[in-house]
Amino acid sequence: MPLPNHHLAPEVTDMKNKILRFLLSEDGPTAVEYAVMLGLIIVVCLAAIVSIGDSTNANYEMIQQAMEDAIGN
């Protein structure tokens, strides 16, 4: 199903038709599914990194406070 190409350059129309064919074929939905899974994996990884960073920061602050208390500051 080609897209209407009333005012587009032939290269743009050709690219739009290729993208449409890709999305309508078996490969299109599979690629979209992989992209969604990759996005979810990235979100989970970022959440884990933030959580680990917060935990590490809390530990360093606790160590800093203990050292300050030991020194007497």
PDB file of N, CA and C in Angstrom:
ATOM      1  N   MET A   1       0.846  -1.178   0.000  1.00  0.00           N
ATOM      2  CA  MET A   1       0.000   0.000   0.000  1.00  0.00           C
ATOM      3  C   MET A   1       0.888   1.236   0.000  1.00  0.00           C
ATOM      4  N   PRO A   2       1.153   1.832  -1.144  1.00  0.00           N
ATOM      5  CA  PRO A   2       2.004   3.019  -1.203  1.00  0.00           C
ATOM      6  C   PRO A   2       1.315   4.224  -0.582  1.00  0.00           C
ATOM      7  N   LEU A   3       2.138   5.097  -0.045  1.00  0.00           N
ATOM      8  CA  LEU A   3       1.630   6.326   0.547  1.00  0.00           C
ATOM      9  C   LEU A   3       1.408   7.369  -0.533  1.00  0.00           C
ATOM     10  N   PRO A   4       0.480   8.313  -0.308  1.00  0.00           N
ATOM     11  CA  PRO A   4       0.306   9.386  -1.295  1.00  0.00           C
ATOM     12  C   PRO A   4       1.570  10.229  -1.397  1.00  0.00           C
ATOM     13  N   ASN A   5       1.920  10.595  -2.609  1.00  0.00           N
ATOM     14  CA  ASN A   5       3.168  11.325  -2.822  1.00  0.00           C
ATOM     15  C   ASN A   5       2.946  12.560  -3.675  1.00  0.00           C
ATOM     16  N   HIS A   6       2.000  13.375  -3.302  1.00  0.00           N
ATOM     17  CA  HIS A   6       1.637  14.535  -4.096  1.00  0.00           C
ATOM     18  C   HIS A   6       2.733  15.576  -4.158  1.00  0.00           C
ATOM     19  N   HIS A   7       3.390  15.829  -3.049  1.00  0.00           N
ATOM     20  CA  HIS A   7       4.334  16.934  -2.983  1.00  0.00           C
ATOM     21  C   HIS A   7       5.708  16.521  -2.471  1.00  0.00           C
ATOM     22  N   LEU A   8       6.006  15.254  -2.468  1.00  0.00           N
ATOM     23  CA  LEU A   8       7.274  14.780  -1.926  1.00  0.00           C
ATOM     24  C   LEU A   8       8.255  14.436  -3.045  1.00  0.00           C
ATOM     25  N   ALA A   9       9.521  14.601  -2.748  1.00  0.00           N
ATOM     26  CA  ALA A   9      10.565  14.204  -3.689  1.00  0.00           C
ATOM     27  C   ALA A   9      10.535  12.688  -3.853  1.00  0.00           C
ATOM     28  N   PRO A  10      10.957  12.167  -4.987  1.00  0.00           N
ATOM     29  CA  PRO A  10      10.921  10.716  -5.209  1.00  0.00           C
ATOM     30  C   PRO A  10      11.709   9.931  -4.163  1.00  0.00           C
ATOM     31  N   GLU A  11      12.824  10.490  -3.688  1.00  0.00           N
ATOM     32  CA  GLU A  11      13.627   9.780  -2.688  1.00  0.00           C
ATOM     33  C   GLU A  11      12.858   9.621  -1.381  1.00  0.00           C
ATOM     34  N   VAL A  12      12.143  10.670  -0.983  1.00  0.00           N
ATOM     35  CA  VAL A  12      11.368  10.626   0.258  1.00  0.00           C
ATOM     36  C   VAL A  12      10.222   9.639   0.114  1.00  0.00           C
ATOM     37  N   THR A  13       9.555   9.662  -1.012  1.00  0.00           N
ATOM     38  CA  THR A  13       8.454   8.735  -1.258  1.00  0.00           C
ATOM     39  C   THR A  13       8.957   7.303  -1.250  1.00  0.00           C
ATOM     40  N   ASP A  14      10.090   7.070  -1.890  1.00  0.00           N
ATOM     41  CA  ASP A  14      10.662   5.730  -1.919  1.00  0.00           C
ATOM     42  C   ASP A  14      11.002   5.261  -0.512  1.00  0.00           C
ATOM     43  N   MET A  15      11.577   6.144   0.319  1.00  0.00           N
ATOM     44  CA  MET A  15      11.933   5.785   1.686  1.00  0.00           C
ATOM     45  C   MET A  15      10.677   5.485   2.502  1.00  0.00           C
ATOM     46  N   LYS A  16       9.640   6.293   2.333  1.00  0.00           N
ATOM     47  CA  LYS A  16       8.399   6.059   3.069  1.00  0.00           C
ATOM     48  C   LYS A  16       7.790   4.715   2.672  1.00  0.00           C
ATOM     49  N   ASN A  17       7.827   4.393   1.384  1.00  0.00           N
ATOM     50  CA  ASN A  17       7.294   3.109   0.928  1.00  0.00           C
ATOM     51  C   ASN A  17       8.107   1.948   1.484  1.00  0.00           C
ATOM     52  N   LYS A  18       9.418   2.094   1.543  1.00  0.00           N
ATOM     53  CA  LYS A  18      10.263   1.034   2.112  1.00  0.00           C
ATOM     54  C   LYS A  18       9.963   0.842   3.586  1.00  0.00           C
ATOM     55  N   ILE A  19       9.794   1.921   4.322  1.00  0.00           N
ATOM     56  CA  ILE A  19       9.479   1.816   5.748  1.00  0.00           C
ATOM     57  C   ILE A  19       8.122   1.156   5.940  1.00  0.00           C
ATOM     58  N   LEU A  20       7.152   1.543   5.130  1.00  0.00           N
ATOM     59  CA  LEU A  20       5.823   0.942   5.222  1.00  0.00           C
ATOM     60  C   LEU A  20       5.879  -0.555   4.923  1.00  0.00           C
ATOM     61  N   ARG A  21       6.591  -0.952   3.878  1.00  0.00           N
ATOM     62  CA  ARG A  21       6.740  -2.382   3.561  1.00  0.00           C
ATOM     63  C   ARG A  21       7.413  -3.119   4.703  1.00  0.00           C
ATOM     64  N   PHE A  22       8.437  -2.495   5.304  1.00  0.00           N
ATOM     65  CA  PHE A  22       9.158  -3.119   6.419  1.00  0.00           C
ATOM     66  C   PHE A  22       8.221  -3.344   7.600  1.00  0.00           C
ATOM     67  N   LEU A  23       7.408  -2.331   7.921  1.00  0.00           N
ATOM     68  CA  LEU A  23       6.517  -2.445   9.068  1.00  0.00           C
ATOM     69  C   LEU A  23       5.391  -3.440   8.824  1.00  0.00           C
ATOM     70  N   LEU A  24       4.979  -3.578   7.574  1.00  0.00           N
ATOM     71  CA  LEU A  24       3.902  -4.515   7.262  1.00  0.00           C
ATOM     72  C   LEU A  24       4.401  -5.949   7.098  1.00  0.00           C
ATOM     73  N   SER A  25       5.684  -6.127   6.887  1.00  0.00           N
ATOM     74  CA  SER A  25       6.221  -7.480   6.732  1.00  0.00           C
ATOM     75  C   SER A  25       6.403  -8.114   8.106  1.00  0.00           C
ATOM     76  N   GLU A  26       6.838  -9.346   8.116  1.00  0.00           N
ATOM     77  CA  GLU A  26       7.084 -10.067   9.368  1.00  0.00           C
ATOM     78  C   GLU A  26       8.220  -9.444  10.155  1.00  0.00           C
ATOM     79  N   ASP A  27       9.195  -8.861   9.471  1.00  0.00           N
ATOM     80  CA  ASP A  27      10.367  -8.306  10.138  1.00  0.00           C
ATOM     81  C   ASP A  27      10.039  -7.042  10.922  1.00  0.00           C
ATOM     82  N   GLY A  28       9.082  -6.259  10.457  1.00  0.00           N
ATOM     83  CA  GLY A  28       8.746  -5.001  11.107  1.00  0.00           C
ATOM     84  C   GLY A  28       8.289  -5.183  12.539  1.00  0.00           C
ATOM     85  N   PRO A  29       7.230  -5.978  12.771  1.00  0.00           N
ATOM     86  CA  PRO A  29       6.774  -6.174  14.146  1.00  0.00           C
ATOM     87  C   PRO A  29       7.845  -6.825  15.022  1.00  0.00           C
ATOM     88  N   THR A  30       8.632  -7.727  14.466  1.00  0.00           N
ATOM     89  CA  THR A  30       9.687  -8.359  15.247  1.00  0.00           C
ATOM     90  C   THR A  30      10.716  -7.326  15.676  1.00  0.00           C
ATOM     91  N   ALA A  31      11.090  -6.443  14.778  1.00  0.00           N
ATOM     92  CA  ALA A  31      12.053  -5.397  15.118  1.00  0.00           C
ATOM     93  C   ALA A  31      11.478  -4.462  16.174  1.00  0.00           C
ATOM     94  N   VAL A  32      10.202  -4.149  16.062  1.00  0.00           N
ATOM     95  CA  VAL A  32       9.560  -3.287  17.057  1.00  0.00           C
ATOM     96  C   VAL A  32       9.531  -3.979  18.409  1.00  0.00           C
ATOM     97  N   GLU A  33       9.235  -5.255  18.431  1.00  0.00           N
ATOM     98  CA  GLU A  33       9.226  -6.001  19.695  1.00  0.00           C
ATOM     99  C   GLU A  33      10.613  -6.006  20.332  1.00  0.00           C
ATOM    100  N   TYR A  34      11.630  -6.215  19.525  1.00  0.00           N
ATOM    101  CA  TYR A  34      12.997  -6.186  20.066  1.00  0.00           C
ATOM    102  C   TYR A  34      13.354  -4.794  20.576  1.00  0.00           C
ATOM    103  N   ALA A  35      12.911  -3.772  19.888  1.00  0.00           N
ATOM    104  CA  ALA A  35      13.186  -2.398  20.331  1.00  0.00           C
ATOM    105  C   ALA A  35      12.496  -2.119  21.664  1.00  0.00           C
ATOM    106  N   VAL A  36      11.268  -2.592  21.814  1.00  0.00           N
ATOM    107  CA  VAL A  36      10.555  -2.412  23.084  1.00  0.00           C
ATOM    108  C   VAL A  36      11.265  -3.163  24.199  1.00  0.00           C
ATOM    109  N   MET A  37      11.668  -4.405  23.932  1.00  0.00           N
ATOM    110  CA  MET A  37      12.392  -5.178  24.950  1.00  0.00           C
ATOM    111  C   MET A  37      13.701  -4.499  25.321  1.00  0.00           C
ATOM    112  N   LEU A  38      14.421  -3.997  24.326  1.00  0.00           N
ATOM    113  CA  LEU A  38      15.676  -3.295  24.597  1.00  0.00           C
ATOM    114  C   LEU A  38      15.424  -2.060  25.449  1.00  0.00           C
ATOM    115  N   GLY A  39      14.370  -1.329  25.139  1.00  0.00           N
ATOM    116  CA  GLY A  39      14.018  -0.155  25.931  1.00  0.00           C
ATOM    117  C   GLY A  39      13.732  -0.518  27.380  1.00  0.00           C
ATOM    118  N   LEU A  40      12.989  -1.601  27.581  1.00  0.00           N
ATOM    119  CA  LEU A  40      12.680  -2.041  28.948  1.00  0.00           C
ATOM    120  C   LEU A  40      13.939  -2.487  29.685  1.00  0.00           C
ATOM    121  N   ILE A  41      14.822  -3.178  28.999  1.00  0.00           N
ATOM    122  CA  ILE A  41      16.077  -3.615  29.620  1.00  0.00           C
ATOM    123  C   ILE A  41      16.904  -2.408  30.025  1.00  0.00           C
ATOM    124  N   ILE A  42      16.958  -1.392  29.175  1.00  0.00           N
ATOM    125  CA  ILE A  42      17.713  -0.180  29.495  1.00  0.00           C
ATOM    126  C   ILE A  42      17.125   0.513  30.712  1.00  0.00           C
ATOM    127  N   VAL A  43      15.794   0.587  30.786  1.00  0.00           N
ATOM    128  CA  VAL A  43      15.146   1.223  31.936  1.00  0.00           C
ATOM    129  C   VAL A  43      15.475   0.464  33.221  1.00  0.00           C
ATOM    130  N   VAL A  44      15.421  -0.855  33.172  1.00  0.00           N
ATOM    131  CA  VAL A  44      15.731  -1.665  34.363  1.00  0.00           C
ATOM    132  C   VAL A  44      17.193  -1.477  34.766  1.00  0.00           C
ATOM    133  N   CYS A  45      18.090  -1.454  33.788  1.00  0.00           N
ATOM    134  CA  CYS A  45      19.513  -1.254  34.091  1.00  0.00           C
ATOM    135  C   CYS A  45      19.751   0.120  34.714  1.00  0.00           C
ATOM    136  N   LEU A  46      19.135   1.142  34.165  1.00  0.00           N
ATOM    137  CA  LEU A  46      19.300   2.485  34.726  1.00  0.00           C
ATOM    138  C   LEU A  46      18.749   2.557  36.149  1.00  0.00           C
ATOM    139  N   ALA A  47      17.619   1.930  36.386  1.00  0.00           N
ATOM    140  CA  ALA A  47      17.044   1.916  37.736  1.00  0.00           C
ATOM    141  C   ALA A  47      17.984   1.202  38.700  1.00  0.00           C
ATOM    142  N   ALA A  48      18.579   0.101  38.261  1.00  0.00           N
ATOM    143  CA  ALA A  48      19.514  -0.630  39.116  1.00  0.00           C
ATOM    144  C   ALA A  48      20.760   0.201  39.402  1.00  0.00           C
ATOM    145  N   ILE A  49      21.260   0.880  38.392  1.00  0.00           N
ATOM    146  CA  ILE A  49      22.459   1.709  38.573  1.00  0.00           C
ATOM    147  C   ILE A  49      22.173   2.851  39.544  1.00  0.00           C
ATOM    148  N   VAL A  50      21.024   3.491  39.414  1.00  0.00           N
ATOM    149  CA  VAL A  50      20.654   4.574  40.325  1.00  0.00           C
ATOM    150  C   VAL A  50      20.529   4.043  41.747  1.00  0.00           C
ATOM    151  N   SER A  51      19.896   2.884  41.887  1.00  0.00           N
ATOM    152  CA  SER A  51      19.725   2.287  43.217  1.00  0.00           C
ATOM    153  C   SER A  51      21.075   1.948  43.845  1.00  0.00           C
ATOM    154  N   ILE A  52      21.955   1.356  43.067  1.00  0.00           N
ATOM    155  CA  ILE A  52      23.290   1.014  43.567  1.00  0.00           C
ATOM    156  C   ILE A  52      24.064   2.281  43.909  1.00  0.00           C
ATOM    157  N   GLY A  53      23.931   3.302  43.079  1.00  0.00           N
ATOM    158  CA  GLY A  53      24.605   4.575  43.338  1.00  0.00           C
ATOM    159  C   GLY A  53      24.127   5.214  44.627  1.00  0.00           C
ATOM    160  N   ASP A  54      22.811   5.207  44.850  1.00  0.00           N
ATOM    161  CA  ASP A  54      22.265   5.769  46.085  1.00  0.00           C
ATOM    162  C   ASP A  54      22.761   4.996  47.300  1.00  0.00           C
ATOM    163  N   SER A  55      22.779   3.678  47.187  1.00  0.00           N
ATOM    164  CA  SER A  55      23.239   2.839  48.294  1.00  0.00           C
ATOM    165  C   SER A  55      24.721   3.084  48.573  1.00  0.00           C
ATOM    166  N   THR A  56      25.506   3.169  47.535  1.00  0.00           N
ATOM    167  CA  THR A  56      26.947   3.413  47.693  1.00  0.00           C
ATOM    168  C   THR A  56      27.185   4.786  48.306  1.00  0.00           C
ATOM    169  N   ASN A  57      26.446   5.773  47.865  1.00  0.00           N
ATOM    170  CA  ASN A  57      26.574   7.118  48.411  1.00  0.00           C
ATOM    171  C   ASN A  57      26.225   7.122  49.894  1.00  0.00           C
ATOM    172  N   ALA A  58      25.182   6.439  50.280  1.00  0.00           N
ATOM    173  CA  ALA A  58      24.791   6.355  51.691  1.00  0.00           C
ATOM    174  C   ALA A  58      25.890   5.692  52.510  1.00  0.00           C
ATOM    175  N   ASN A  59      26.511   4.652  51.970  1.00  0.00           N
ATOM    176  CA  ASN A  59      27.595   3.974  52.691  1.00  0.00           C
ATOM    177  C   ASN A  59      28.797   4.896  52.875  1.00  0.00           C
ATOM    178  N   TYR A  60      29.153   5.631  51.824  1.00  0.00           N
ATOM    179  CA  TYR A  60      30.285   6.558  51.941  1.00  0.00           C
ATOM    180  C   TYR A  60      29.986   7.684  52.935  1.00  0.00           C
ATOM    181  N   GLU A  61      28.762   8.166  52.943  1.00  0.00           N
ATOM    182  CA  GLU A  61      28.393   9.193  53.916  1.00  0.00           C
ATOM    183  C   GLU A  61      28.477   8.653  55.341  1.00  0.00           C
ATOM    184  N   MET A  62      28.061   7.397  55.538  1.00  0.00           N
ATOM    185  CA  MET A  62      28.135   6.765  56.858  1.00  0.00           C
ATOM    186  C   MET A  62      29.601   6.609  57.284  1.00  0.00           C
ATOM    187  N   ILE A  63      30.450   6.201  56.358  1.00  0.00           N
ATOM    188  CA  ILE A  63      31.886   6.054  56.659  1.00  0.00           C
ATOM    189  C   ILE A  63      32.501   7.415  56.962  1.00  0.00           C
ATOM    190  N   GLN A  64      32.131   8.422  56.191  1.00  0.00           N
ATOM    191  CA  GLN A  64      32.643   9.771  56.430  1.00  0.00           C
ATOM    192  C   GLN A  64      32.235  10.252  57.817  1.00  0.00           C
ATOM    193  N   GLN A  65      30.989  10.035  58.200  1.00  0.00           N
ATOM    194  CA  GLN A  65      30.518  10.474  59.506  1.00  0.00           C
ATOM    195  C   GLN A  65      31.240   9.734  60.615  1.00  0.00           C
ATOM    196  N   ALA A  66      31.474   8.436  60.427  1.00  0.00           N
ATOM    197  CA  ALA A  66      32.181   7.655  61.435  1.00  0.00           C
ATOM    198  C   ALA A  66      33.620   8.144  61.583  1.00  0.00           C
ATOM    199  N   MET A  67      34.264   8.476  60.477  1.00  0.00           N
ATOM    200  CA  MET A  67      35.633   8.977  60.536  1.00  0.00           C
ATOM    201  C   MET A  67      35.676  10.357  61.195  1.00  0.00           C
ATOM    202  N   GLU A  68      34.712  11.220  60.884  1.00  0.00           N
ATOM    203  CA  GLU A  68      34.660  12.525  61.529  1.00  0.00           C
ATOM    204  C   GLU A  68      34.437  12.404  63.033  1.00  0.00           C
ATOM    205  N   ASP A  69      33.570  11.466  63.435  1.00  0.00           N
ATOM    206  CA  ASP A  69      33.329  11.240  64.854  1.00  0.00           C
ATOM    207  C   ASP A  69      34.580  10.705  65.546  1.00  0.00           C
ATOM    208  N   ALA A  70      35.306   9.846  64.844  1.00  0.00           N
ATOM    209  CA  ALA A  70      36.524   9.269  65.440  1.00  0.00           C
ATOM    210  C   ALA A  70      37.617  10.328  65.587  1.00  0.00           C
ATOM    211  N   ILE A  71      37.696  11.230  64.625  1.00  0.00           N
ATOM    212  CA  ILE A  71      38.713  12.296  64.672  1.00  0.00           C
ATOM    213  C   ILE A  71      38.307  13.376  65.655  1.00  0.00           C
ATOM    214  N   GLY A  72      37.004  13.591  65.777  1.00  0.00           N
ATOM    215  CA  GLY A  72      36.538  14.591  66.710  1.00  0.00           C
ATOM    216  C   GLY A  72      36.106  15.880  66.062  1.00  0.00           C
ATOM    217  N   ASN A  73      35.780  15.861  64.787  1.00  0.00           N
ATOM    218  CA  ASN A  73      35.336  17.089  64.093  1.00  0.00           C
ATOM    219  C   ASN A  73      33.872  17.321  64.335  1.00  0.00           C
TER     220      ASN A  73
END
